Amino acid sequence: MRLIRSASLGIASCTSLVMLASLVIAAVGEAQSPVRAKPATATAQSKKPTPERIREVQKALLEAGHDPGPIDGILGPRTKAALRQYASAPPPQALTPAQQIIAQFNRENDRPQSP
């Protein structure tokens, strides 16, 4: 069951989600890649999210309607799955691809836009 994202997420929560989502997606992509990645640099290792930061993101994911599992500060499989789910869903204000096609069709044919 997919829950609707809350429009009340604060800027800090959204920023946390975006930052951690990019880290997780990069990490998950490297883990699934058959090509061995170069060793991580000291800079990349120093940017590892802290348990406190992960807890913030887990809370924001929960508010956004994605179940990260327990709010424990551990970047486990359920938190990673929730981040992937969040990253793949269009933002509430964005049009879906189908809505974009319909809007373009309506513009090209001088039809009124639906709300």
PDB file of N, CA and C in Angstrom:
ATOM      1  N   MET A   1       0.838  -1.172   0.000  1.00  0.00           N
ATOM      2  CA  MET A   1       0.000   0.000   0.000  1.00  0.00           C
ATOM      3  C   MET A   1       0.889   1.243   0.000  1.00  0.00           C
ATOM      4  N   ARG A   2       0.628   2.136  -0.933  1.00  0.00           N
ATOM      5  CA  ARG A   2       1.424   3.355  -1.032  1.00  0.00           C
ATOM      6  C   ARG A   2       0.673   4.494  -0.375  1.00  0.00           C
ATOM      7  N   LEU A   3       1.333   5.152   0.517  1.00  0.00           N
ATOM      8  CA  LEU A   3       0.726   6.285   1.201  1.00  0.00           C
ATOM      9  C   LEU A   3       1.041   7.564   0.453  1.00  0.00           C
ATOM     10  N   ILE A   4       0.180   8.549   0.589  1.00  0.00           N
ATOM     11  CA  ILE A   4       0.391   9.843  -0.059  1.00  0.00           C
ATOM     12  C   ILE A   4       1.410  10.634   0.740  1.00  0.00           C
ATOM     13  N   ARG A   5       2.310  11.290   0.025  1.00  0.00           N
ATOM     14  CA  ARG A   5       3.316  12.119   0.693  1.00  0.00           C
ATOM     15  C   ARG A   5       2.672  13.296   1.378  1.00  0.00           C
ATOM     16  N   SER A   6       3.213  13.629   2.498  1.00  0.00           N
ATOM     17  CA  SER A   6       2.740  14.789   3.242  1.00  0.00           C
ATOM     18  C   SER A   6       3.330  16.046   2.625  1.00  0.00           C
ATOM     19  N   ALA A   7       2.475  17.029   2.400  1.00  0.00           N
ATOM     20  CA  ALA A   7       2.961  18.292   1.850  1.00  0.00           C
ATOM     21  C   ALA A   7       3.598  19.149   2.927  1.00  0.00           C
ATOM     22  N   SER A   8       3.517  18.692   4.176  1.00  0.00           N
ATOM     23  CA  SER A   8       4.027  19.503   5.279  1.00  0.00           C
ATOM     24  C   SER A   8       5.480  19.218   5.620  1.00  0.00           C
ATOM     25  N   LEU A   9       6.186  18.420   4.814  1.00  0.00           N
ATOM     26  CA  LEU A   9       7.600  18.172   5.101  1.00  0.00           C
ATOM     27  C   LEU A   9       8.364  19.485   5.037  1.00  0.00           C
ATOM     28  N   GLY A  10       9.217  19.706   5.997  1.00  0.00           N
ATOM     29  CA  GLY A  10      10.008  20.921   6.019  1.00  0.00           C
ATOM     30  C   GLY A  10      11.167  20.857   5.046  1.00  0.00           C
ATOM     31  N   ILE A  11      11.774  21.996   4.786  1.00  0.00           N
ATOM     32  CA  ILE A  11      12.922  22.075   3.891  1.00  0.00           C
ATOM     33  C   ILE A  11      14.048  21.193   4.399  1.00  0.00           C
ATOM     34  N   ALA A  12      14.315  21.212   5.698  1.00  0.00           N
ATOM     35  CA  ALA A  12      15.404  20.400   6.254  1.00  0.00           C
ATOM     36  C   ALA A  12      15.142  18.923   6.034  1.00  0.00           C
ATOM     37  N   SER A  13      13.899  18.485   6.216  1.00  0.00           N
ATOM     38  CA  SER A  13      13.564  17.079   5.999  1.00  0.00           C
ATOM     39  C   SER A  13      13.774  16.695   4.547  1.00  0.00           C
ATOM     40  N   CYS A  14      13.301  17.529   3.642  1.00  0.00           N
ATOM     41  CA  CYS A  14      13.467  17.244   2.215  1.00  0.00           C
ATOM     42  C   CYS A  14      14.938  17.239   1.830  1.00  0.00           C
ATOM     43  N   THR A  15      15.698  18.181   2.360  1.00  0.00           N
ATOM     44  CA  THR A  15      17.130  18.231   2.079  1.00  0.00           C
ATOM     45  C   THR A  15      17.809  16.979   2.593  1.00  0.00           C
ATOM     46  N   SER A  16      17.438  16.541   3.789  1.00  0.00           N
ATOM     47  CA  SER A  16      18.005  15.311   4.347  1.00  0.00           C
ATOM     48  C   SER A  16      17.710  14.131   3.448  1.00  0.00           C
ATOM     49  N   LEU A  17      16.470  14.038   2.993  1.00  0.00           N
ATOM     50  CA  LEU A  17      16.093  12.919   2.133  1.00  0.00           C
ATOM     51  C   LEU A  17      16.868  12.931   0.823  1.00  0.00           C
ATOM     52  N   VAL A  18      16.961  14.087   0.212  1.00  0.00           N
ATOM     53  CA  VAL A  18      17.663  14.180  -1.065  1.00  0.00           C
ATOM     54  C   VAL A  18      19.134  13.825  -0.899  1.00  0.00           C
ATOM     55  N   MET A  19      19.772  14.370   0.133  1.00  0.00           N
ATOM     56  CA  MET A  19      21.192  14.108   0.344  1.00  0.00           C
ATOM     57  C   MET A  19      21.439  12.631   0.618  1.00  0.00           C
ATOM     58  N   LEU A  20      20.678  12.061   1.535  1.00  0.00           N
ATOM     59  CA  LEU A  20      20.905  10.664   1.880  1.00  0.00           C
ATOM     60  C   LEU A  20      20.464   9.747   0.750  1.00  0.00           C
ATOM     61  N   ALA A  21      19.404  10.118   0.050  1.00  0.00           N
ATOM     62  CA  ALA A  21      18.960   9.295  -1.075  1.00  0.00           C
ATOM     63  C   ALA A  21      20.049   9.196  -2.132  1.00  0.00           C
ATOM     64  N   SER A  22      20.715  10.300  -2.422  1.00  0.00           N
ATOM     65  CA  SER A  22      21.783  10.251  -3.426  1.00  0.00           C
ATOM     66  C   SER A  22      22.937   9.376  -2.954  1.00  0.00           C
ATOM     67  N   LEU A  23      23.253   9.435  -1.657  1.00  0.00           N
ATOM     68  CA  LEU A  23      24.314   8.576  -1.123  1.00  0.00           C
ATOM     69  C   LEU A  23      23.928   7.108  -1.204  1.00  0.00           C
ATOM     70  N   VAL A  24      22.696   6.802  -0.824  1.00  0.00           N
ATOM     71  CA  VAL A  24      22.251   5.409  -0.826  1.00  0.00           C
ATOM     72  C   VAL A  24      22.136   4.872  -2.243  1.00  0.00           C
ATOM     73  N   ILE A  25      21.559   5.647  -3.139  1.00  0.00           N
ATOM     74  CA  ILE A  25      21.413   5.188  -4.513  1.00  0.00           C
ATOM     75  C   ILE A  25      22.777   4.945  -5.129  1.00  0.00           C
ATOM     76  N   ALA A  26      23.735   5.812  -4.850  1.00  0.00           N
ATOM     77  CA  ALA A  26      25.098   5.592  -5.344  1.00  0.00           C
ATOM     78  C   ALA A  26      25.682   4.324  -4.746  1.00  0.00           C
ATOM     79  N   ALA A  27      25.492   4.135  -3.448  1.00  0.00           N
ATOM     80  CA  ALA A  27      26.034   2.945  -2.783  1.00  0.00           C
ATOM     81  C   ALA A  27      25.361   1.678  -3.286  1.00  0.00           C
ATOM     82  N   VAL A  28      24.046   1.722  -3.459  1.00  0.00           N
ATOM     83  CA  VAL A  28      23.320   0.550  -3.949  1.00  0.00           C
ATOM     84  C   VAL A  28      23.725   0.253  -5.386  1.00  0.00           C
ATOM     85  N   GLY A  29      23.889   1.288  -6.187  1.00  0.00           N
ATOM     86  CA  GLY A  29      24.321   1.091  -7.569  1.00  0.00           C
ATOM     87  C   GLY A  29      25.690   0.451  -7.653  1.00  0.00           C
ATOM     88  N   GLU A  30      26.617   0.892  -6.797  1.00  0.00           N
ATOM     89  CA  GLU A  30      27.956   0.303  -6.786  1.00  0.00           C
ATOM     90  C   GLU A  30      27.912  -1.137  -6.319  1.00  0.00           C
ATOM     91  N   ALA A  31      27.066  -1.435  -5.346  1.00  0.00           N
ATOM     92  CA  ALA A  31      26.982  -2.798  -4.820  1.00  0.00           C
ATOM     93  C   ALA A  31      26.405  -3.752  -5.851  1.00  0.00           C
ATOM     94  N   GLN A  32      25.523  -3.261  -6.731  1.00  0.00           N
ATOM     95  CA  GLN A  32      24.906  -4.117  -7.727  1.00  0.00           C
ATOM     96  C   GLN A  32      25.705  -4.170  -9.020  1.00  0.00           C
ATOM     97  N   SER A  33      26.663  -3.292  -9.192  1.00  0.00           N
ATOM     98  CA  SER A  33      27.451  -3.239 -10.415  1.00  0.00           C
ATOM     99  C   SER A  33      28.456  -4.377 -10.466  1.00  0.00           C
ATOM    100  N   PRO A  34      28.540  -5.082 -11.623  1.00  0.00           N
ATOM    101  CA  PRO A  34      29.519  -6.155 -11.732  1.00  0.00           C
ATOM    102  C   PRO A  34      30.947  -5.634 -11.848  1.00  0.00           C
ATOM    103  N   VAL A  35      31.108  -4.363 -12.213  1.00  0.00           N
ATOM    104  CA  VAL A  35      32.430  -3.762 -12.343  1.00  0.00           C
ATOM    105  C   VAL A  35      32.881  -3.305 -10.966  1.00  0.00           C
ATOM    106  N   ARG A  36      34.090  -3.639 -10.599  1.00  0.00           N
ATOM    107  CA  ARG A  36      34.595  -3.251  -9.279  1.00  0.00           C
ATOM    108  C   ARG A  36      34.902  -1.756  -9.272  1.00  0.00           C
ATOM    109  N   ALA A  37      34.365  -1.072  -8.302  1.00  0.00           N
ATOM    110  CA  ALA A  37      34.570   0.375  -8.187  1.00  0.00           C
ATOM    111  C   ALA A  37      35.944   0.662  -7.605  1.00  0.00           C
ATOM    112  N   LYS A  38      36.424   1.880  -7.867  1.00  0.00           N
ATOM    113  CA  LYS A  38      37.689   2.317  -7.286  1.00  0.00           C
ATOM    114  C   LYS A  38      37.520   2.435  -5.780  1.00  0.00           C
ATOM    115  N   PRO A  39      38.588   2.274  -5.017  1.00  0.00           N
ATOM    116  CA  PRO A  39      38.485   2.439  -3.561  1.00  0.00           C
ATOM    117  C   PRO A  39      38.017   3.848  -3.215  1.00  0.00           C
ATOM    118  N   ALA A  40      37.229   3.949  -2.164  1.00  0.00           N
ATOM    119  CA  ALA A  40      36.704   5.247  -1.740  1.00  0.00           C
ATOM    120  C   ALA A  40      37.833   6.127  -1.233  1.00  0.00           C
ATOM    121  N   THR A  41      37.690   7.414  -1.495  1.00  0.00           N
ATOM    122  CA  THR A  41      38.695   8.363  -1.025  1.00  0.00           C
ATOM    123  C   THR A  41      38.378   8.759   0.409  1.00  0.00           C
ATOM    124  N   ALA A  42      39.306   9.398   1.049  1.00  0.00           N
ATOM    125  CA  ALA A  42      39.105   9.856   2.423  1.00  0.00           C
ATOM    126  C   ALA A  42      37.956  10.854   2.489  1.00  0.00           C
ATOM    127  N   THR A  43      37.798  11.683   1.441  1.00  0.00           N
ATOM    128  CA  THR A  43      36.722  12.665   1.415  1.00  0.00           C
ATOM    129  C   THR A  43      35.371  11.977   1.392  1.00  0.00           C
ATOM    130  N   ALA A  44      35.219  10.960   0.549  1.00  0.00           N
ATOM    131  CA  ALA A  44      33.945  10.250   0.461  1.00  0.00           C
ATOM    132  C   ALA A  44      33.643   9.522   1.767  1.00  0.00           C
ATOM    133  N   GLN A  45      34.663   8.970   2.397  1.00  0.00           N
ATOM    134  CA  GLN A  45      34.445   8.253   3.644  1.00  0.00           C
ATOM    135  C   GLN A  45      34.059   9.202   4.768  1.00  0.00           C
ATOM    136  N   SER A  46      34.588  10.412   4.759  1.00  0.00           N
ATOM    137  CA  SER A  46      34.275  11.362   5.823  1.00  0.00           C
ATOM    138  C   SER A  46      32.843  11.884   5.711  1.00  0.00           C
ATOM    139  N   LYS A  47      32.191  11.718   4.560  1.00  0.00           N
ATOM    140  CA  LYS A  47      30.823  12.181   4.370  1.00  0.00           C
ATOM    141  C   LYS A  47      29.799  11.097   4.708  1.00  0.00           C
ATOM    142  N   LYS A  48      30.232  10.022   5.337  1.00  0.00           N
ATOM    143  CA  LYS A  48      29.327   8.947   5.712  1.00  0.00           C
ATOM    144  C   LYS A  48      28.296   9.499   6.693  1.00  0.00           C
ATOM    145  N   PRO A  49      27.003   9.231   6.454  1.00  0.00           N
ATOM    146  CA  PRO A  49      25.983   9.788   7.341  1.00  0.00           C
ATOM    147  C   PRO A  49      26.071   9.218   8.753  1.00  0.00           C
ATOM    148  N   THR A  50      25.843  10.084   9.718  1.00  0.00           N
ATOM    149  CA  THR A  50      25.882   9.669  11.124  1.00  0.00           C
ATOM    150  C   THR A  50      24.551   9.007  11.487  1.00  0.00           C
ATOM    151  N   PRO A  51      24.525   8.219  12.561  1.00  0.00           N
ATOM    152  CA  PRO A  51      23.256   7.634  12.996  1.00  0.00           C
ATOM    153  C   PRO A  51      22.175   8.691  13.272  1.00  0.00           C
ATOM    154  N   GLU A  52      22.581   9.845  13.797  1.00  0.00           N
ATOM    155  CA  GLU A  52      21.616  10.916  14.058  1.00  0.00           C
ATOM    156  C   GLU A  52      20.993  11.406  12.749  1.00  0.00           C
ATOM    157  N   ARG A  53      21.841  11.564  11.735  1.00  0.00           N
ATOM    158  CA  ARG A  53      21.365  12.028  10.425  1.00  0.00           C
ATOM    159  C   ARG A  53      20.447  10.985   9.791  1.00  0.00           C
ATOM    160  N   ILE A  54      20.812   9.716   9.934  1.00  0.00           N
ATOM    161  CA  ILE A  54      19.990   8.640   9.378  1.00  0.00           C
ATOM    162  C   ILE A  54      18.627   8.619  10.076  1.00  0.00           C
ATOM    163  N   ARG A  55      18.601   8.850  11.395  1.00  0.00           N
ATOM    164  CA  ARG A  55      17.335   8.907  12.128  1.00  0.00           C
ATOM    165  C   ARG A  55      16.450  10.049  11.601  1.00  0.00           C
ATOM    166  N   GLU A  56      17.063  11.207  11.331  1.00  0.00           N
ATOM    167  CA  GLU A  56      16.314  12.340  10.763  1.00  0.00           C
ATOM    168  C   GLU A  56      15.664  11.942   9.447  1.00  0.00           C
ATOM    169  N   VAL A  57      16.446  11.272   8.615  1.00  0.00           N
ATOM    170  CA  VAL A  57      15.950  10.859   7.305  1.00  0.00           C
ATOM    171  C   VAL A  57      14.859   9.802   7.460  1.00  0.00           C
ATOM    172  N   GLN A  58      15.046   8.867   8.387  1.00  0.00           N
ATOM    173  CA  GLN A  58      14.023   7.846   8.612  1.00  0.00           C
ATOM    174  C   GLN A  58      12.703   8.492   9.038  1.00  0.00           C
ATOM    175  N   LYS A  59      12.773   9.498   9.911  1.00  0.00           N
ATOM    176  CA  LYS A  59      11.561  10.201  10.343  1.00  0.00           C
ATOM    177  C   LYS A  59      10.907  10.916   9.162  1.00  0.00           C
ATOM    178  N   ALA A  60      11.718  11.570   8.325  1.00  0.00           N
ATOM    179  CA  ALA A  60      11.187  12.281   7.161  1.00  0.00           C
ATOM    180  C   ALA A  60      10.565  11.305   6.164  1.00  0.00           C
ATOM    181  N   LEU A  61      11.197  10.142   5.981  1.00  0.00           N
ATOM    182  CA  LEU A  61      10.631   9.125   5.090  1.00  0.00           C
ATOM    183  C   LEU A  61       9.263   8.673   5.599  1.00  0.00           C
ATOM    184  N   LEU A  62       9.172   8.462   6.892  1.00  0.00           N
ATOM    185  CA  LEU A  62       7.911   8.032   7.494  1.00  0.00           C
ATOM    186  C   LEU A  62       6.831   9.095   7.287  1.00  0.00           C
ATOM    187  N   GLU A  63       7.195  10.374   7.499  1.00  0.00           N
ATOM    188  CA  GLU A  63       6.257  11.485   7.273  1.00  0.00           C
ATOM    189  C   GLU A  63       5.825  11.551   5.815  1.00  0.00           C
ATOM    190  N   ALA A  64       6.721  11.168   4.912  1.00  0.00           N
ATOM    191  CA  ALA A  64       6.437  11.223   3.484  1.00  0.00           C
ATOM    192  C   ALA A  64       5.648  10.008   3.003  1.00  0.00           C
ATOM    193  N   GLY A  65       5.384   9.061   3.911  1.00  0.00           N
ATOM    194  CA  GLY A  65       4.573   7.914   3.530  1.00  0.00           C
ATOM    195  C   GLY A  65       5.352   6.695   3.085  1.00  0.00           C
ATOM    196  N   HIS A  66       6.637   6.652   3.379  1.00  0.00           N
ATOM    197  CA  HIS A  66       7.486   5.512   3.011  1.00  0.00           C
ATOM    198  C   HIS A  66       8.032   4.885   4.290  1.00  0.00           C
ATOM    199  N   ASP A  67       7.779   3.597   4.482  1.00  0.00           N
ATOM    200  CA  ASP A  67       8.152   2.908   5.717  1.00  0.00           C
ATOM    201  C   ASP A  67       9.633   2.543   5.727  1.00  0.00           C
ATOM    202  N   PRO A  68      10.443   3.231   6.567  1.00  0.00           N
ATOM    203  CA  PRO A  68      11.870   2.912   6.648  1.00  0.00           C
ATOM    204  C   PRO A  68      12.186   1.837   7.675  1.00  0.00           C
ATOM    205  N   GLY A  69      11.139   1.256   8.283  1.00  0.00           N
ATOM    206  CA  GLY A  69      11.380   0.318   9.377  1.00  0.00           C
ATOM    207  C   GLY A  69      11.561   1.091  10.663  1.00  0.00           C
ATOM    208  N   PRO A  70      12.233   0.497  11.648  1.00  0.00           N
ATOM    209  CA  PRO A  70      12.406   1.189  12.928  1.00  0.00           C
ATOM    210  C   PRO A  70      13.281   2.439  12.783  1.00  0.00           C
ATOM    211  N   ILE A  71      12.958   3.469  13.548  1.00  0.00           N
ATOM    212  CA  ILE A  71      13.750   4.707  13.558  1.00  0.00           C
ATOM    213  C   ILE A  71      14.923   4.452  14.500  1.00  0.00           C
ATOM    214  N   ASP A  72      15.980   3.837  13.945  1.00  0.00           N
ATOM    215  CA  ASP A  72      17.089   3.377  14.782  1.00  0.00           C
ATOM    216  C   ASP A  72      18.449   3.946  14.392  1.00  0.00           C
ATOM    217  N   GLY A  73      18.494   4.766  13.332  1.00  0.00           N
ATOM    218  CA  GLY A  73      19.773   5.341  12.916  1.00  0.00           C
ATOM    219  C   GLY A  73      20.649   4.380  12.142  1.00  0.00           C
ATOM    220  N   ILE A  74      20.090   3.238  11.741  1.00  0.00           N
ATOM    221  CA  ILE A  74      20.849   2.246  10.972  1.00  0.00           C
ATOM    222  C   ILE A  74      20.355   2.270   9.532  1.00  0.00           C
ATOM    223  N   LEU A  75      21.280   2.357   8.605  1.00  0.00           N
ATOM    224  CA  LEU A  75      20.948   2.389   7.188  1.00  0.00           C
ATOM    225  C   LEU A  75      20.797   0.949   6.694  1.00  0.00           C
ATOM    226  N   GLY A  76      19.701   0.335   7.104  1.00  0.00           N
ATOM    227  CA  GLY A  76      19.447  -1.060   6.782  1.00  0.00           C
ATOM    228  C   GLY A  76      18.664  -1.221   5.492  1.00  0.00           C
ATOM    229  N   PRO A  77      18.291  -2.453   5.155  1.00  0.00           N
ATOM    230  CA  PRO A  77      17.604  -2.723   3.894  1.00  0.00           C
ATOM    231  C   PRO A  77      16.237  -2.041   3.777  1.00  0.00           C
ATOM    232  N   ARG A  78      15.504  -1.925   4.881  1.00  0.00           N
ATOM    233  CA  ARG A  78      14.190  -1.277   4.799  1.00  0.00           C
ATOM    234  C   ARG A  78      14.331   0.227   4.580  1.00  0.00           C
ATOM    235  N   THR A  79      15.333   0.834   5.203  1.00  0.00           N
ATOM    236  CA  THR A  79      15.569   2.264   4.986  1.00  0.00           C
ATOM    237  C   THR A  79      16.013   2.507   3.547  1.00  0.00           C
ATOM    238  N   LYS A  80      16.897   1.662   3.038  1.00  0.00           N
ATOM    239  CA  LYS A  80      17.347   1.799   1.647  1.00  0.00           C
ATOM    240  C   LYS A  80      16.184   1.624   0.677  1.00  0.00           C
ATOM    241  N   ALA A  81      15.313   0.652   0.942  1.00  0.00           N
ATOM    242  CA  ALA A  81      14.152   0.436   0.071  1.00  0.00           C
ATOM    243  C   ALA A  81      13.220   1.647   0.102  1.00  0.00           C
ATOM    244  N   ALA A  82      13.012   2.219   1.287  1.00  0.00           N
ATOM    245  CA  ALA A  82      12.160   3.404   1.411  1.00  0.00           C
ATOM    246  C   ALA A  82      12.770   4.590   0.665  1.00  0.00           C
ATOM    247  N   LEU A  83      14.086   4.731   0.715  1.00  0.00           N
ATOM    248  CA  LEU A  83      14.763   5.810  -0.016  1.00  0.00           C
ATOM    249  C   LEU A  83      14.605   5.624  -1.523  1.00  0.00           C
ATOM    250  N   ARG A  84      14.768   4.391  -1.994  1.00  0.00           N
ATOM    251  CA  ARG A  84      14.592   4.131  -3.433  1.00  0.00           C
ATOM    252  C   ARG A  84      13.162   4.437  -3.852  1.00  0.00           C
ATOM    253  N   GLN A  85      12.200   4.048  -3.012  1.00  0.00           N
ATOM    254  CA  GLN A  85      10.791   4.308  -3.283  1.00  0.00           C
ATOM    255  C   GLN A  85      10.537   5.815  -3.355  1.00  0.00           C
ATOM    256  N   TYR A  86      11.073   6.548  -2.388  1.00  0.00           N
ATOM    257  CA  TYR A  86      10.905   8.002  -2.355  1.00  0.00           C
ATOM    258  C   TYR A  86      11.538   8.648  -3.590  1.00  0.00           C
ATOM    259  N   ALA A  87      12.729   8.204  -3.932  1.00  0.00           N
ATOM    260  CA  ALA A  87      13.448   8.797  -5.063  1.00  0.00           C
ATOM    261  C   ALA A  87      12.747   8.511  -6.388  1.00  0.00           C
ATOM    262  N   SER A  88      12.053   7.388  -6.494  1.00  0.00           N
ATOM    263  CA  SER A  88      11.422   7.029  -7.762  1.00  0.00           C
ATOM    264  C   SER A  88      10.031   7.634  -7.927  1.00  0.00           C
ATOM    265  N   ALA A  89       9.431   8.126  -6.851  1.00  0.00           N
ATOM    266  CA  ALA A  89       8.090   8.712  -6.925  1.00  0.00           C
ATOM    267  C   ALA A  89       8.189  10.178  -7.318  1.00  0.00           C
ATOM    268  N   PRO A  90       7.305  10.637  -8.215  1.00  0.00           N
ATOM    269  CA  PRO A  90       7.355  12.057  -8.573  1.00  0.00           C
ATOM    270  C   PRO A  90       6.930  12.917  -7.391  1.00  0.00           C
ATOM    271  N   PRO A  91       7.518  14.111  -7.248  1.00  0.00           N
ATOM    272  CA  PRO A  91       7.099  15.012  -6.173  1.00  0.00           C
ATOM    273  C   PRO A  91       5.620  15.355  -6.345  1.00  0.00           C
ATOM    274  N   PRO A  92       4.934  15.712  -5.263  1.00  0.00           N
ATOM    275  CA  PRO A  92       3.494  15.979  -5.348  1.00  0.00           C
ATOM    276  C   PRO A  92       3.120  17.036  -6.380  1.00  0.00           C
ATOM    277  N   GLN A  93       3.937  18.050  -6.556  1.00  0.00           N
ATOM    278  CA  GLN A  93       3.601  19.118  -7.490  1.00  0.00           C
ATOM    279  C   GLN A  93       3.995  18.792  -8.931  1.00  0.00           C
ATOM    280  N   ALA A  94       4.744  17.729  -9.155  1.00  0.00           N
ATOM    281  CA  ALA A  94       5.199  17.385 -10.496  1.00  0.00           C
ATOM    282  C   ALA A  94       4.126  16.593 -11.233  1.00  0.00           C
ATOM    283  N   LEU A  95       4.079  16.791 -12.532  1.00  0.00           N
ATOM    284  CA  LEU A  95       3.169  16.013 -13.361  1.00  0.00           C
ATOM    285  C   LEU A  95       3.789  14.652 -13.644  1.00  0.00           C
ATOM    286  N   THR A  96       2.953  13.638 -13.701  1.00  0.00           N
ATOM    287  CA  THR A  96       3.434  12.319 -14.097  1.00  0.00           C
ATOM    288  C   THR A  96       3.702  12.363 -15.598  1.00  0.00           C
ATOM    289  N   PRO A  97       4.440  11.393 -16.147  1.00  0.00           N
ATOM    290  CA  PRO A  97       4.659  11.378 -17.599  1.00  0.00           C
ATOM    291  C   PRO A  97       3.346  11.392 -18.387  1.00  0.00           C
ATOM    292  N   ALA A  98       2.348  10.662 -17.925  1.00  0.00           N
ATOM    293  CA  ALA A  98       1.057  10.648 -18.622  1.00  0.00           C
ATOM    294  C   ALA A  98       0.409  12.032 -18.589  1.00  0.00           C
ATOM    295  N   GLN A  99       0.475  12.694 -17.431  1.00  0.00           N
ATOM    296  CA  GLN A  99      -0.095  14.040 -17.319  1.00  0.00           C
ATOM    297  C   GLN A  99       0.651  15.031 -18.208  1.00  0.00           C
ATOM    298  N   GLN A 100       1.973  14.867 -18.342  1.00  0.00           N
ATOM    299  CA  GLN A 100       2.761  15.742 -19.220  1.00  0.00           C
ATOM    300  C   GLN A 100       2.327  15.575 -20.671  1.00  0.00           C
ATOM    301  N   ILE A 101       2.100  14.335 -21.097  1.00  0.00           N
ATOM    302  CA  ILE A 101       1.675  14.069 -22.480  1.00  0.00           C
ATOM    303  C   ILE A 101       0.303  14.685 -22.729  1.00  0.00           C
ATOM    304  N   ILE A 102      -0.617  14.509 -21.770  1.00  0.00           N
ATOM    305  CA  ILE A 102      -1.959  15.072 -21.918  1.00  0.00           C
ATOM    306  C   ILE A 102      -1.898  16.593 -21.956  1.00  0.00           C
ATOM    307  N   ALA A 103      -1.091  17.199 -21.087  1.00  0.00           N
ATOM    308  CA  ALA A 103      -0.959  18.657 -21.071  1.00  0.00           C
ATOM    309  C   ALA A 103      -0.393  19.167 -22.391  1.00  0.00           C
ATOM    310  N   GLN A 104       0.618  18.473 -22.926  1.00  0.00           N
ATOM    311  CA  GLN A 104       1.195  18.877 -24.209  1.00  0.00           C
ATOM    312  C   GLN A 104       0.152  18.754 -25.316  1.00  0.00           C
ATOM    313  N   PHE A 105      -0.596  17.672 -25.326  1.00  0.00           N
ATOM    314  CA  PHE A 105      -1.650  17.475 -26.320  1.00  0.00           C
ATOM    315  C   PHE A 105      -2.665  18.609 -26.238  1.00  0.00           C
ATOM    316  N   ASN A 106      -3.072  18.940 -25.012  1.00  0.00           N
ATOM    317  CA  ASN A 106      -4.046  20.019 -24.834  1.00  0.00           C
ATOM    318  C   ASN A 106      -3.499  21.357 -25.304  1.00  0.00           C
ATOM    319  N   ARG A 107      -2.227  21.634 -25.032  1.00  0.00           N
ATOM    320  CA  ARG A 107      -1.607  22.889 -25.502  1.00  0.00           C
ATOM    321  C   ARG A 107      -1.572  22.928 -27.023  1.00  0.00           C
ATOM    322  N   GLU A 108      -1.186  21.823 -27.635  1.00  0.00           N
ATOM    323  CA  GLU A 108      -1.076  21.777 -29.094  1.00  0.00           C
ATOM    324  C   GLU A 108      -2.433  21.893 -29.775  1.00  0.00           C
ATOM    325  N   ASN A 109      -3.482  21.487 -29.101  1.00  0.00           N
ATOM    326  CA  ASN A 109      -4.821  21.497 -29.685  1.00  0.00           C
ATOM    327  C   ASN A 109      -5.716  22.561 -29.075  1.00  0.00           C
ATOM    328  N   ASP A 110      -5.109  23.536 -28.408  1.00  0.00           N
ATOM    329  CA  ASP A 110      -5.835  24.660 -27.804  1.00  0.00           C
ATOM    330  C   ASP A 110      -7.012  24.207 -26.951  1.00  0.00           C
ATOM    331  N   ARG A 111      -6.768  23.200 -26.136  1.00  0.00           N
ATOM    332  CA  ARG A 111      -7.807  22.727 -25.223  1.00  0.00           C
ATOM    333  C   ARG A 111      -7.508  23.275 -23.831  1.00  0.00           C
ATOM    334  N   PRO A 112      -8.554  23.517 -23.052  1.00  0.00           N
ATOM    335  CA  PRO A 112      -8.316  24.012 -21.688  1.00  0.00           C
ATOM    336  C   PRO A 112      -7.592  22.967 -20.838  1.00  0.00           C
ATOM    337  N   GLN A 113      -6.727  23.459 -19.965  1.00  0.00           N
ATOM    338  CA  GLN A 113      -5.982  22.576 -19.061  1.00  0.00           C
ATOM    339  C   GLN A 113      -6.903  22.106 -17.953  1.00  0.00           C
ATOM    340  N   SER A 114      -6.787  20.831 -17.602  1.00  0.00           N
ATOM    341  CA  SER A 114      -7.565  20.338 -16.464  1.00  0.00           C
ATOM    342  C   SER A 114      -6.788  20.618 -15.187  1.00  0.00           C
ATOM    343  N   PRO A 115      -7.476  20.827 -14.060  1.00  0.00           N
ATOM    344  CA  PRO A 115      -6.787  21.180 -12.806  1.00  0.00           C
ATOM    345  C   PRO A 115      -5.934  20.081 -12.267  1.00  0.00           C
TER     346      PRO A 115
END
